[in-house]
PDBML (XML) file of the C-alpha atoms, coordinates in Angstrom:
<?xml version="1.0" encoding="UTF-8" ?>
<PDBx:datablock datablockName="MODEL"
   xmlns:PDBx="http://pdbml.pdb.org/schema/pdbx-v50.xsd"
   xmlns:xsi="http://www.w3.org/2001/XMLSchema-instance"
   xsi:schemaLocation="http://pdbml.pdb.org/schema/pdbx-v50.xsd pdbx-v50.xsd">
   <PDBx:atom_siteCategory>
      <PDBx:atom_site id="1">
         <PDBx:B_iso_or_equiv>0.00</PDBx:B_iso_or_equiv>
         <PDBx:Cartn_x>14.074</PDBx:Cartn_x>
         <PDBx:Cartn_y>-8.677</PDBx:Cartn_y>
         <PDBx:Cartn_z>7.092</PDBx:Cartn_z>
         <PDBx:auth_asym_id>A</PDBx:auth_asym_id>
         <PDBx:auth_atom_id>CA</PDBx:auth_atom_id>
         <PDBx:auth_comp_id>UNK</PDBx:auth_comp_id>
         <PDBx:auth_seq_id>1</PDBx:auth_seq_id>
         <PDBx:group_PDB>ATOM</PDBx:group_PDB>
         <PDBx:label_alt_id xsi:nil="true" />
         <PDBx:label_asym_id>A</PDBx:label_asym_id>
         <PDBx:label_atom_id>CA</PDBx:label_atom_id>
         <PDBx:label_comp_id>UNK</PDBx:label_comp_id>
         <PDBx:label_entity_id>1</PDBx:label_entity_id>
         <PDBx:label_seq_id>1</PDBx:label_seq_id>
         <PDBx:occupancy>1.00</PDBx:occupancy>
         <PDBx:pdbx_PDB_model_num>1</PDBx:pdbx_PDB_model_num>
         <PDBx:type_symbol>C</PDBx:type_symbol>
      </PDBx:atom_site>
      <PDBx:atom_site id="2">
         <PDBx:B_iso_or_equiv>0.00</PDBx:B_iso_or_equiv>
         <PDBx:Cartn_x>11.246</PDBx:Cartn_x>
         <PDBx:Cartn_y>-6.898</PDBx:Cartn_y>
         <PDBx:Cartn_z>6.245</PDBx:Cartn_z>
         <PDBx:auth_asym_id>A</PDBx:auth_asym_id>
         <PDBx:auth_atom_id>CA</PDBx:auth_atom_id>
         <PDBx:auth_comp_id>UNK</PDBx:auth_comp_id>
         <PDBx:auth_seq_id>2</PDBx:auth_seq_id>
         <PDBx:group_PDB>ATOM</PDBx:group_PDB>
         <PDBx:label_alt_id xsi:nil="true" />
         <PDBx:label_asym_id>A</PDBx:label_asym_id>
         <PDBx:label_atom_id>CA</PDBx:label_atom_id>
         <PDBx:label_comp_id>UNK</PDBx:label_comp_id>
         <PDBx:label_entity_id>1</PDBx:label_entity_id>
         <PDBx:label_seq_id>2</PDBx:label_seq_id>
         <PDBx:occupancy>1.00</PDBx:occupancy>
         <PDBx:pdbx_PDB_model_num>1</PDBx:pdbx_PDB_model_num>
         <PDBx:type_symbol>C</PDBx:type_symbol>
      </PDBx:atom_site>
      <PDBx:atom_site id="3">
         <PDBx:B_iso_or_equiv>0.00</PDBx:B_iso_or_equiv>
         <PDBx:Cartn_x>11.028</PDBx:Cartn_x>
         <PDBx:Cartn_y>-4.098</PDBx:Cartn_y>
         <PDBx:Cartn_z>9.411</PDBx:Cartn_z>
         <PDBx:auth_asym_id>A</PDBx:auth_asym_id>
         <PDBx:auth_atom_id>CA</PDBx:auth_atom_id>
         <PDBx:auth_comp_id>UNK</PDBx:auth_comp_id>
         <PDBx:auth_seq_id>3</PDBx:auth_seq_id>
         <PDBx:group_PDB>ATOM</PDBx:group_PDB>
         <PDBx:label_alt_id xsi:nil="true" />
         <PDBx:label_asym_id>A</PDBx:label_asym_id>
         <PDBx:label_atom_id>CA</PDBx:label_atom_id>
         <PDBx:label_comp_id>UNK</PDBx:label_comp_id>
         <PDBx:label_entity_id>1</PDBx:label_entity_id>
         <PDBx:label_seq_id>3</PDBx:label_seq_id>
         <PDBx:occupancy>1.00</PDBx:occupancy>
         <PDBx:pdbx_PDB_model_num>1</PDBx:pdbx_PDB_model_num>
         <PDBx:type_symbol>C</PDBx:type_symbol>
      </PDBx:atom_site>
      <PDBx:atom_site id="4">
         <PDBx:B_iso_or_equiv>0.00</PDBx:B_iso_or_equiv>
         <PDBx:Cartn_x>14.543</PDBx:Cartn_x>
         <PDBx:Cartn_y>-3.132</PDBx:Cartn_y>
         <PDBx:Cartn_z>9.130</PDBx:Cartn_z>
         <PDBx:auth_asym_id>A</PDBx:auth_asym_id>
         <PDBx:auth_atom_id>CA</PDBx:auth_atom_id>
         <PDBx:auth_comp_id>UNK</PDBx:auth_comp_id>
         <PDBx:auth_seq_id>4</PDBx:auth_seq_id>
         <PDBx:group_PDB>ATOM</PDBx:group_PDB>
         <PDBx:label_alt_id xsi:nil="true" />
         <PDBx:label_asym_id>A</PDBx:label_asym_id>
         <PDBx:label_atom_id>CA</PDBx:label_atom_id>
         <PDBx:label_comp_id>UNK</PDBx:label_comp_id>
         <PDBx:label_entity_id>1</PDBx:label_entity_id>
         <PDBx:label_seq_id>4</PDBx:label_seq_id>
         <PDBx:occupancy>1.00</PDBx:occupancy>
         <PDBx:pdbx_PDB_model_num>1</PDBx:pdbx_PDB_model_num>
         <PDBx:type_symbol>C</PDBx:type_symbol>
      </PDBx:atom_site>
      <PDBx:atom_site id="5">
         <PDBx:B_iso_or_equiv>0.00</PDBx:B_iso_or_equiv>
         <PDBx:Cartn_x>15.642</PDBx:Cartn_x>
         <PDBx:Cartn_y>-3.668</PDBx:Cartn_y>
         <PDBx:Cartn_z>5.338</PDBx:Cartn_z>
         <PDBx:auth_asym_id>A</PDBx:auth_asym_id>
         <PDBx:auth_atom_id>CA</PDBx:auth_atom_id>
         <PDBx:auth_comp_id>UNK</PDBx:auth_comp_id>
         <PDBx:auth_seq_id>5</PDBx:auth_seq_id>
         <PDBx:group_PDB>ATOM</PDBx:group_PDB>
         <PDBx:label_alt_id xsi:nil="true" />
         <PDBx:label_asym_id>A</PDBx:label_asym_id>
         <PDBx:label_atom_id>CA</PDBx:label_atom_id>
         <PDBx:label_comp_id>UNK</PDBx:label_comp_id>
         <PDBx:label_entity_id>1</PDBx:label_entity_id>
         <PDBx:label_seq_id>5</PDBx:label_seq_id>
         <PDBx:occupancy>1.00</PDBx:occupancy>
         <PDBx:pdbx_PDB_model_num>1</PDBx:pdbx_PDB_model_num>
         <PDBx:type_symbol>C</PDBx:type_symbol>
      </PDBx:atom_site>
      <PDBx:atom_site id="6">
         <PDBx:B_iso_or_equiv>0.00</PDBx:B_iso_or_equiv>
         <PDBx:Cartn_x>12.604</PDBx:Cartn_x>
         <PDBx:Cartn_y>-3.761</PDBx:Cartn_y>
         <PDBx:Cartn_z>3.320</PDBx:Cartn_z>
         <PDBx:auth_asym_id>A</PDBx:auth_asym_id>
         <PDBx:auth_atom_id>CA</PDBx:auth_atom_id>
         <PDBx:auth_comp_id>UNK</PDBx:auth_comp_id>
         <PDBx:auth_seq_id>6</PDBx:auth_seq_id>
         <PDBx:group_PDB>ATOM</PDBx:group_PDB>
         <PDBx:label_alt_id xsi:nil="true" />
         <PDBx:label_asym_id>A</PDBx:label_asym_id>
         <PDBx:label_atom_id>CA</PDBx:label_atom_id>
         <PDBx:label_comp_id>UNK</PDBx:label_comp_id>
         <PDBx:label_entity_id>1</PDBx:label_entity_id>
         <PDBx:label_seq_id>6</PDBx:label_seq_id>
         <PDBx:occupancy>1.00</PDBx:occupancy>
         <PDBx:pdbx_PDB_model_num>1</PDBx:pdbx_PDB_model_num>
         <PDBx:type_symbol>C</PDBx:type_symbol>
      </PDBx:atom_site>
      <PDBx:atom_site id="7">
         <PDBx:B_iso_or_equiv>0.00</PDBx:B_iso_or_equiv>
         <PDBx:Cartn_x>10.322</PDBx:Cartn_x>
         <PDBx:Cartn_y>-1.307</PDBx:Cartn_y>
         <PDBx:Cartn_z>4.857</PDBx:Cartn_z>
         <PDBx:auth_asym_id>A</PDBx:auth_asym_id>
         <PDBx:auth_atom_id>CA</PDBx:auth_atom_id>
         <PDBx:auth_comp_id>UNK</PDBx:auth_comp_id>
         <PDBx:auth_seq_id>7</PDBx:auth_seq_id>
         <PDBx:group_PDB>ATOM</PDBx:group_PDB>
         <PDBx:label_alt_id xsi:nil="true" />
         <PDBx:label_asym_id>A</PDBx:label_asym_id>
         <PDBx:label_atom_id>CA</PDBx:label_atom_id>
         <PDBx:label_comp_id>UNK</PDBx:label_comp_id>
         <PDBx:label_entity_id>1</PDBx:label_entity_id>
         <PDBx:label_seq_id>7</PDBx:label_seq_id>
         <PDBx:occupancy>1.00</PDBx:occupancy>
         <PDBx:pdbx_PDB_model_num>1</PDBx:pdbx_PDB_model_num>
         <PDBx:type_symbol>C</PDBx:type_symbol>
      </PDBx:atom_site>
      <PDBx:atom_site id="8">
         <PDBx:B_iso_or_equiv>0.00</PDBx:B_iso_or_equiv>
         <PDBx:Cartn_x>13.043</PDBx:Cartn_x>
         <PDBx:Cartn_y>1.756</PDBx:Cartn_y>
         <PDBx:Cartn_z>5.325</PDBx:Cartn_z>
         <PDBx:auth_asym_id>A</PDBx:auth_asym_id>
         <PDBx:auth_atom_id>CA</PDBx:auth_atom_id>
         <PDBx:auth_comp_id>UNK</PDBx:auth_comp_id>
         <PDBx:auth_seq_id>8</PDBx:auth_seq_id>
         <PDBx:group_PDB>ATOM</PDBx:group_PDB>
         <PDBx:label_alt_id xsi:nil="true" />
         <PDBx:label_asym_id>A</PDBx:label_asym_id>
         <PDBx:label_atom_id>CA</PDBx:label_atom_id>
         <PDBx:label_comp_id>UNK</PDBx:label_comp_id>
         <PDBx:label_entity_id>1</PDBx:label_entity_id>
         <PDBx:label_seq_id>8</PDBx:label_seq_id>
         <PDBx:occupancy>1.00</PDBx:occupancy>
         <PDBx:pdbx_PDB_model_num>1</PDBx:pdbx_PDB_model_num>
         <PDBx:type_symbol>C</PDBx:type_symbol>
      </PDBx:atom_site>
      <PDBx:atom_site id="9">
         <PDBx:B_iso_or_equiv>0.00</PDBx:B_iso_or_equiv>
         <PDBx:Cartn_x>14.548</PDBx:Cartn_x>
         <PDBx:Cartn_y>1.425</PDBx:Cartn_y>
         <PDBx:Cartn_z>1.932</PDBx:Cartn_z>
         <PDBx:auth_asym_id>A</PDBx:auth_asym_id>
         <PDBx:auth_atom_id>CA</PDBx:auth_atom_id>
         <PDBx:auth_comp_id>UNK</PDBx:auth_comp_id>
         <PDBx:auth_seq_id>9</PDBx:auth_seq_id>
         <PDBx:group_PDB>ATOM</PDBx:group_PDB>
         <PDBx:label_alt_id xsi:nil="true" />
         <PDBx:label_asym_id>A</PDBx:label_asym_id>
         <PDBx:label_atom_id>CA</PDBx:label_atom_id>
         <PDBx:label_comp_id>UNK</PDBx:label_comp_id>
         <PDBx:label_entity_id>1</PDBx:label_entity_id>
         <PDBx:label_seq_id>9</PDBx:label_seq_id>
         <PDBx:occupancy>1.00</PDBx:occupancy>
         <PDBx:pdbx_PDB_model_num>1</PDBx:pdbx_PDB_model_num>
         <PDBx:type_symbol>C</PDBx:type_symbol>
      </PDBx:atom_site>
      <PDBx:atom_site id="10">
         <PDBx:B_iso_or_equiv>0.00</PDBx:B_iso_or_equiv>
         <PDBx:Cartn_x>10.672</PDBx:Cartn_x>
         <PDBx:Cartn_y>1.418</PDBx:Cartn_y>
         <PDBx:Cartn_z>0.625</PDBx:Cartn_z>
         <PDBx:auth_asym_id>A</PDBx:auth_asym_id>
         <PDBx:auth_atom_id>CA</PDBx:auth_atom_id>
         <PDBx:auth_comp_id>UNK</PDBx:auth_comp_id>
         <PDBx:auth_seq_id>10</PDBx:auth_seq_id>
         <PDBx:group_PDB>ATOM</PDBx:group_PDB>
         <PDBx:label_alt_id xsi:nil="true" />
         <PDBx:label_asym_id>A</PDBx:label_asym_id>
         <PDBx:label_atom_id>CA</PDBx:label_atom_id>
         <PDBx:label_comp_id>UNK</PDBx:label_comp_id>
         <PDBx:label_entity_id>1</PDBx:label_entity_id>
         <PDBx:label_seq_id>10</PDBx:label_seq_id>
         <PDBx:occupancy>1.00</PDBx:occupancy>
         <PDBx:pdbx_PDB_model_num>1</PDBx:pdbx_PDB_model_num>
         <PDBx:type_symbol>C</PDBx:type_symbol>
      </PDBx:atom_site>
      <PDBx:atom_site id="11">
         <PDBx:B_iso_or_equiv>0.00</PDBx:B_iso_or_equiv>
         <PDBx:Cartn_x>10.224</PDBx:Cartn_x>
         <PDBx:Cartn_y>4.679</PDBx:Cartn_y>
         <PDBx:Cartn_z>2.656</PDBx:Cartn_z>
         <PDBx:auth_asym_id>A</PDBx:auth_asym_id>
         <PDBx:auth_atom_id>CA</PDBx:auth_atom_id>
         <PDBx:auth_comp_id>UNK</PDBx:auth_comp_id>
         <PDBx:auth_seq_id>11</PDBx:auth_seq_id>
         <PDBx:group_PDB>ATOM</PDBx:group_PDB>
         <PDBx:label_alt_id xsi:nil="true" />
         <PDBx:label_asym_id>A</PDBx:label_asym_id>
         <PDBx:label_atom_id>CA</PDBx:label_atom_id>
         <PDBx:label_comp_id>UNK</PDBx:label_comp_id>
         <PDBx:label_entity_id>1</PDBx:label_entity_id>
         <PDBx:label_seq_id>11</PDBx:label_seq_id>
         <PDBx:occupancy>1.00</PDBx:occupancy>
         <PDBx:pdbx_PDB_model_num>1</PDBx:pdbx_PDB_model_num>
         <PDBx:type_symbol>C</PDBx:type_symbol>
      </PDBx:atom_site>
      <PDBx:atom_site id="12">
         <PDBx:B_iso_or_equiv>0.00</PDBx:B_iso_or_equiv>
         <PDBx:Cartn_x>13.406</PDBx:Cartn_x>
         <PDBx:Cartn_y>6.672</PDBx:Cartn_y>
         <PDBx:Cartn_z>1.503</PDBx:Cartn_z>
         <PDBx:auth_asym_id>A</PDBx:auth_asym_id>
         <PDBx:auth_atom_id>CA</PDBx:auth_atom_id>
         <PDBx:auth_comp_id>UNK</PDBx:auth_comp_id>
         <PDBx:auth_seq_id>12</PDBx:auth_seq_id>
         <PDBx:group_PDB>ATOM</PDBx:group_PDB>
         <PDBx:label_alt_id xsi:nil="true" />
         <PDBx:label_asym_id>A</PDBx:label_asym_id>
         <PDBx:label_atom_id>CA</PDBx:label_atom_id>
         <PDBx:label_comp_id>UNK</PDBx:label_comp_id>
         <PDBx:label_entity_id>1</PDBx:label_entity_id>
         <PDBx:label_seq_id>12</PDBx:label_seq_id>
         <PDBx:occupancy>1.00</PDBx:occupancy>
         <PDBx:pdbx_PDB_model_num>1</PDBx:pdbx_PDB_model_num>
         <PDBx:type_symbol>C</PDBx:type_symbol>
      </PDBx:atom_site>
      <PDBx:atom_site id="13">
         <PDBx:B_iso_or_equiv>0.00</PDBx:B_iso_or_equiv>
         <PDBx:Cartn_x>12.113</PDBx:Cartn_x>
         <PDBx:Cartn_y>5.850</PDBx:Cartn_y>
         <PDBx:Cartn_z>-2.135</PDBx:Cartn_z>
         <PDBx:auth_asym_id>A</PDBx:auth_asym_id>
         <PDBx:auth_atom_id>CA</PDBx:auth_atom_id>
         <PDBx:auth_comp_id>UNK</PDBx:auth_comp_id>
         <PDBx:auth_seq_id>13</PDBx:auth_seq_id>
         <PDBx:group_PDB>ATOM</PDBx:group_PDB>
         <PDBx:label_alt_id xsi:nil="true" />
         <PDBx:label_asym_id>A</PDBx:label_asym_id>
         <PDBx:label_atom_id>CA</PDBx:label_atom_id>
         <PDBx:label_comp_id>UNK</PDBx:label_comp_id>
         <PDBx:label_entity_id>1</PDBx:label_entity_id>
         <PDBx:label_seq_id>13</PDBx:label_seq_id>
         <PDBx:occupancy>1.00</PDBx:occupancy>
         <PDBx:pdbx_PDB_model_num>1</PDBx:pdbx_PDB_model_num>
         <PDBx:type_symbol>C</PDBx:type_symbol>
      </PDBx:atom_site>
      <PDBx:atom_site id="14">
         <PDBx:B_iso_or_equiv>0.00</PDBx:B_iso_or_equiv>
         <PDBx:Cartn_x>8.880</PDBx:Cartn_x>
         <PDBx:Cartn_y>7.328</PDBx:Cartn_y>
         <PDBx:Cartn_z>-1.789</PDBx:Cartn_z>
         <PDBx:auth_asym_id>A</PDBx:auth_asym_id>
         <PDBx:auth_atom_id>CA</PDBx:auth_atom_id>
         <PDBx:auth_comp_id>UNK</PDBx:auth_comp_id>
         <PDBx:auth_seq_id>14</PDBx:auth_seq_id>
         <PDBx:group_PDB>ATOM</PDBx:group_PDB>
         <PDBx:label_alt_id xsi:nil="true" />
         <PDBx:label_asym_id>A</PDBx:label_asym_id>
         <PDBx:label_atom_id>CA</PDBx:label_atom_id>
         <PDBx:label_comp_id>UNK</PDBx:label_comp_id>
         <PDBx:label_entity_id>1</PDBx:label_entity_id>
         <PDBx:label_seq_id>14</PDBx:label_seq_id>
         <PDBx:occupancy>1.00</PDBx:occupancy>
         <PDBx:pdbx_PDB_model_num>1</PDBx:pdbx_PDB_model_num>
         <PDBx:type_symbol>C</PDBx:type_symbol>
      </PDBx:atom_site>
      <PDBx:atom_site id="15">
         <PDBx:B_iso_or_equiv>0.00</PDBx:B_iso_or_equiv>
         <PDBx:Cartn_x>9.824</PDBx:Cartn_x>
         <PDBx:Cartn_y>10.052</PDBx:Cartn_y>
         <PDBx:Cartn_z>0.166</PDBx:Cartn_z>
         <PDBx:auth_asym_id>A</PDBx:auth_asym_id>
         <PDBx:auth_atom_id>CA</PDBx:auth_atom_id>
         <PDBx:auth_comp_id>UNK</PDBx:auth_comp_id>
         <PDBx:auth_seq_id>15</PDBx:auth_seq_id>
         <PDBx:group_PDB>ATOM</PDBx:group_PDB>
         <PDBx:label_alt_id xsi:nil="true" />
         <PDBx:label_asym_id>A</PDBx:label_asym_id>
         <PDBx:label_atom_id>CA</PDBx:label_atom_id>
         <PDBx:label_comp_id>UNK</PDBx:label_comp_id>
         <PDBx:label_entity_id>1</PDBx:label_entity_id>
         <PDBx:label_seq_id>15</PDBx:label_seq_id>
         <PDBx:occupancy>1.00</PDBx:occupancy>
         <PDBx:pdbx_PDB_model_num>1</PDBx:pdbx_PDB_model_num>
         <PDBx:type_symbol>C</PDBx:type_symbol>
      </PDBx:atom_site>
      <PDBx:atom_site id="16">
         <PDBx:B_iso_or_equiv>0.00</PDBx:B_iso_or_equiv>
         <PDBx:Cartn_x>12.357</PDBx:Cartn_x>
         <PDBx:Cartn_y>10.820</PDBx:Cartn_y>
         <PDBx:Cartn_z>-3.157</PDBx:Cartn_z>
         <PDBx:auth_asym_id>A</PDBx:auth_asym_id>
         <PDBx:auth_atom_id>CA</PDBx:auth_atom_id>
         <PDBx:auth_comp_id>UNK</PDBx:auth_comp_id>
         <PDBx:auth_seq_id>16</PDBx:auth_seq_id>
         <PDBx:group_PDB>ATOM</PDBx:group_PDB>
         <PDBx:label_alt_id xsi:nil="true" />
         <PDBx:label_asym_id>A</PDBx:label_asym_id>
         <PDBx:label_atom_id>CA</PDBx:label_atom_id>
         <PDBx:label_comp_id>UNK</PDBx:label_comp_id>
         <PDBx:label_entity_id>1</PDBx:label_entity_id>
         <PDBx:label_seq_id>16</PDBx:label_seq_id>
         <PDBx:occupancy>1.00</PDBx:occupancy>
         <PDBx:pdbx_PDB_model_num>1</PDBx:pdbx_PDB_model_num>
         <PDBx:type_symbol>C</PDBx:type_symbol>
      </PDBx:atom_site>
      <PDBx:atom_site id="17">
         <PDBx:B_iso_or_equiv>0.00</PDBx:B_iso_or_equiv>
         <PDBx:Cartn_x>9.615</PDBx:Cartn_x>
         <PDBx:Cartn_y>10.358</PDBx:Cartn_y>
         <PDBx:Cartn_z>-5.150</PDBx:Cartn_z>
         <PDBx:auth_asym_id>A</PDBx:auth_asym_id>
         <PDBx:auth_atom_id>CA</PDBx:auth_atom_id>
         <PDBx:auth_comp_id>UNK</PDBx:auth_comp_id>
         <PDBx:auth_seq_id>17</PDBx:auth_seq_id>
         <PDBx:group_PDB>ATOM</PDBx:group_PDB>
         <PDBx:label_alt_id xsi:nil="true" />
         <PDBx:label_asym_id>A</PDBx:label_asym_id>
         <PDBx:label_atom_id>CA</PDBx:label_atom_id>
         <PDBx:label_comp_id>UNK</PDBx:label_comp_id>
         <PDBx:label_entity_id>1</PDBx:label_entity_id>
         <PDBx:label_seq_id>17</PDBx:label_seq_id>
         <PDBx:occupancy>1.00</PDBx:occupancy>
         <PDBx:pdbx_PDB_model_num>1</PDBx:pdbx_PDB_model_num>
         <PDBx:type_symbol>C</PDBx:type_symbol>
      </PDBx:atom_site>
      <PDBx:atom_site id="18">
         <PDBx:B_iso_or_equiv>0.00</PDBx:B_iso_or_equiv>
         <PDBx:Cartn_x>7.007</PDBx:Cartn_x>
         <PDBx:Cartn_y>12.576</PDBx:Cartn_y>
         <PDBx:Cartn_z>-3.474</PDBx:Cartn_z>
         <PDBx:auth_asym_id>A</PDBx:auth_asym_id>
         <PDBx:auth_atom_id>CA</PDBx:auth_atom_id>
         <PDBx:auth_comp_id>UNK</PDBx:auth_comp_id>
         <PDBx:auth_seq_id>18</PDBx:auth_seq_id>
         <PDBx:group_PDB>ATOM</PDBx:group_PDB>
         <PDBx:label_alt_id xsi:nil="true" />
         <PDBx:label_asym_id>A</PDBx:label_asym_id>
         <PDBx:label_atom_id>CA</PDBx:label_atom_id>
         <PDBx:label_comp_id>UNK</PDBx:label_comp_id>
         <PDBx:label_entity_id>1</PDBx:label_entity_id>
         <PDBx:label_seq_id>18</PDBx:label_seq_id>
         <PDBx:occupancy>1.00</PDBx:occupancy>
         <PDBx:pdbx_PDB_model_num>1</PDBx:pdbx_PDB_model_num>
         <PDBx:type_symbol>C</PDBx:type_symbol>
      </PDBx:atom_site>
      <PDBx:atom_site id="19">
         <PDBx:B_iso_or_equiv>0.00</PDBx:B_iso_or_equiv>
         <PDBx:Cartn_x>9.841</PDBx:Cartn_x>
         <PDBx:Cartn_y>15.675</PDBx:Cartn_y>
         <PDBx:Cartn_z>-3.179</PDBx:Cartn_z>
         <PDBx:auth_asym_id>A</PDBx:auth_asym_id>
         <PDBx:auth_atom_id>CA</PDBx:auth_atom_id>
         <PDBx:auth_comp_id>UNK</PDBx:auth_comp_id>
         <PDBx:auth_seq_id>19</PDBx:auth_seq_id>
         <PDBx:group_PDB>ATOM</PDBx:group_PDB>
         <PDBx:label_alt_id xsi:nil="true" />
         <PDBx:label_asym_id>A</PDBx:label_asym_id>
         <PDBx:label_atom_id>CA</PDBx:label_atom_id>
         <PDBx:label_comp_id>UNK</PDBx:label_comp_id>
         <PDBx:label_entity_id>1</PDBx:label_entity_id>
         <PDBx:label_seq_id>19</PDBx:label_seq_id>
         <PDBx:occupancy>1.00</PDBx:occupancy>
         <PDBx:pdbx_PDB_model_num>1</PDBx:pdbx_PDB_model_num>
         <PDBx:type_symbol>C</PDBx:type_symbol>
      </PDBx:atom_site>
      <PDBx:atom_site id="20">
         <PDBx:B_iso_or_equiv>0.00</PDBx:B_iso_or_equiv>
         <PDBx:Cartn_x>10.544</PDBx:Cartn_x>
         <PDBx:Cartn_y>15.268</PDBx:Cartn_y>
         <PDBx:Cartn_z>-7.049</PDBx:Cartn_z>
         <PDBx:auth_asym_id>A</PDBx:auth_asym_id>
         <PDBx:auth_atom_id>CA</PDBx:auth_atom_id>
         <PDBx:auth_comp_id>UNK</PDBx:auth_comp_id>
         <PDBx:auth_seq_id>20</PDBx:auth_seq_id>
         <PDBx:group_PDB>ATOM</PDBx:group_PDB>
         <PDBx:label_alt_id xsi:nil="true" />
         <PDBx:label_asym_id>A</PDBx:label_asym_id>
         <PDBx:label_atom_id>CA</PDBx:label_atom_id>
         <PDBx:label_comp_id>UNK</PDBx:label_comp_id>
         <PDBx:label_entity_id>1</PDBx:label_entity_id>
         <PDBx:label_seq_id>20</PDBx:label_seq_id>
         <PDBx:occupancy>1.00</PDBx:occupancy>
         <PDBx:pdbx_PDB_model_num>1</PDBx:pdbx_PDB_model_num>
         <PDBx:type_symbol>C</PDBx:type_symbol>
      </PDBx:atom_site>
      <PDBx:atom_site id="21">
         <PDBx:B_iso_or_equiv>0.00</PDBx:B_iso_or_equiv>
         <PDBx:Cartn_x>7.041</PDBx:Cartn_x>
         <PDBx:Cartn_y>15.330</PDBx:Cartn_y>
         <PDBx:Cartn_z>-7.827</PDBx:Cartn_z>
         <PDBx:auth_asym_id>A</PDBx:auth_asym_id>
         <PDBx:auth_atom_id>CA</PDBx:auth_atom_id>
         <PDBx:auth_comp_id>UNK</PDBx:auth_comp_id>
         <PDBx:auth_seq_id>21</PDBx:auth_seq_id>
         <PDBx:group_PDB>ATOM</PDBx:group_PDB>
         <PDBx:label_alt_id xsi:nil="true" />
         <PDBx:label_asym_id>A</PDBx:label_asym_id>
         <PDBx:label_atom_id>CA</PDBx:label_atom_id>
         <PDBx:label_comp_id>UNK</PDBx:label_comp_id>
         <PDBx:label_entity_id>1</PDBx:label_entity_id>
         <PDBx:label_seq_id>21</PDBx:label_seq_id>
         <PDBx:occupancy>1.00</PDBx:occupancy>
         <PDBx:pdbx_PDB_model_num>1</PDBx:pdbx_PDB_model_num>
         <PDBx:type_symbol>C</PDBx:type_symbol>
      </PDBx:atom_site>
      <PDBx:atom_site id="22">
         <PDBx:B_iso_or_equiv>0.00</PDBx:B_iso_or_equiv>
         <PDBx:Cartn_x>6.726</PDBx:Cartn_x>
         <PDBx:Cartn_y>18.355</PDBx:Cartn_y>
         <PDBx:Cartn_z>-5.558</PDBx:Cartn_z>
         <PDBx:auth_asym_id>A</PDBx:auth_asym_id>
         <PDBx:auth_atom_id>CA</PDBx:auth_atom_id>
         <PDBx:auth_comp_id>UNK</PDBx:auth_comp_id>
         <PDBx:auth_seq_id>22</PDBx:auth_seq_id>
         <PDBx:group_PDB>ATOM</PDBx:group_PDB>
         <PDBx:label_alt_id xsi:nil="true" />
         <PDBx:label_asym_id>A</PDBx:label_asym_id>
         <PDBx:label_atom_id>CA</PDBx:label_atom_id>
         <PDBx:label_comp_id>UNK</PDBx:label_comp_id>
         <PDBx:label_entity_id>1</PDBx:label_entity_id>
         <PDBx:label_seq_id>22</PDBx:label_seq_id>
         <PDBx:occupancy>1.00</PDBx:occupancy>
         <PDBx:pdbx_PDB_model_num>1</PDBx:pdbx_PDB_model_num>
         <PDBx:type_symbol>C</PDBx:type_symbol>
      </PDBx:atom_site>
      <PDBx:atom_site id="23">
         <PDBx:B_iso_or_equiv>0.00</PDBx:B_iso_or_equiv>
         <PDBx:Cartn_x>9.675</PDBx:Cartn_x>
         <PDBx:Cartn_y>20.285</PDBx:Cartn_y>
         <PDBx:Cartn_z>-6.775</PDBx:Cartn_z>
         <PDBx:auth_asym_id>A</PDBx:auth_asym_id>
         <PDBx:auth_atom_id>CA</PDBx:auth_atom_id>
         <PDBx:auth_comp_id>UNK</PDBx:auth_comp_id>
         <PDBx:auth_seq_id>23</PDBx:auth_seq_id>
         <PDBx:group_PDB>ATOM</PDBx:group_PDB>
         <PDBx:label_alt_id xsi:nil="true" />
         <PDBx:label_asym_id>A</PDBx:label_asym_id>
         <PDBx:label_atom_id>CA</PDBx:label_atom_id>
         <PDBx:label_comp_id>UNK</PDBx:label_comp_id>
         <PDBx:label_entity_id>1</PDBx:label_entity_id>
         <PDBx:label_seq_id>23</PDBx:label_seq_id>
         <PDBx:occupancy>1.00</PDBx:occupancy>
         <PDBx:pdbx_PDB_model_num>1</PDBx:pdbx_PDB_model_num>
         <PDBx:type_symbol>C</PDBx:type_symbol>
      </PDBx:atom_site>
      <PDBx:atom_site id="24">
         <PDBx:B_iso_or_equiv>0.00</PDBx:B_iso_or_equiv>
         <PDBx:Cartn_x>8.106</PDBx:Cartn_x>
         <PDBx:Cartn_y>19.935</PDBx:Cartn_y>
         <PDBx:Cartn_z>-10.546</PDBx:Cartn_z>
         <PDBx:auth_asym_id>A</PDBx:auth_asym_id>
         <PDBx:auth_atom_id>CA</PDBx:auth_atom_id>
         <PDBx:auth_comp_id>UNK</PDBx:auth_comp_id>
         <PDBx:auth_seq_id>24</PDBx:auth_seq_id>
         <PDBx:group_PDB>ATOM</PDBx:group_PDB>
         <PDBx:label_alt_id xsi:nil="true" />
         <PDBx:label_asym_id>A</PDBx:label_asym_id>
         <PDBx:label_atom_id>CA</PDBx:label_atom_id>
         <PDBx:label_comp_id>UNK</PDBx:label_comp_id>
         <PDBx:label_entity_id>1</PDBx:label_entity_id>
         <PDBx:label_seq_id>24</PDBx:label_seq_id>
         <PDBx:occupancy>1.00</PDBx:occupancy>
         <PDBx:pdbx_PDB_model_num>1</PDBx:pdbx_PDB_model_num>
         <PDBx:type_symbol>C</PDBx:type_symbol>
      </PDBx:atom_site>
   </PDBx:atom_siteCategory>
</PDBx:datablock>
């Protein structure tokens, strides 16, 4: 549950936040 669902979603959200900051 942790490795298959929770971690990929958290990593995806962190990646989106990182690219948003770089774009700004």
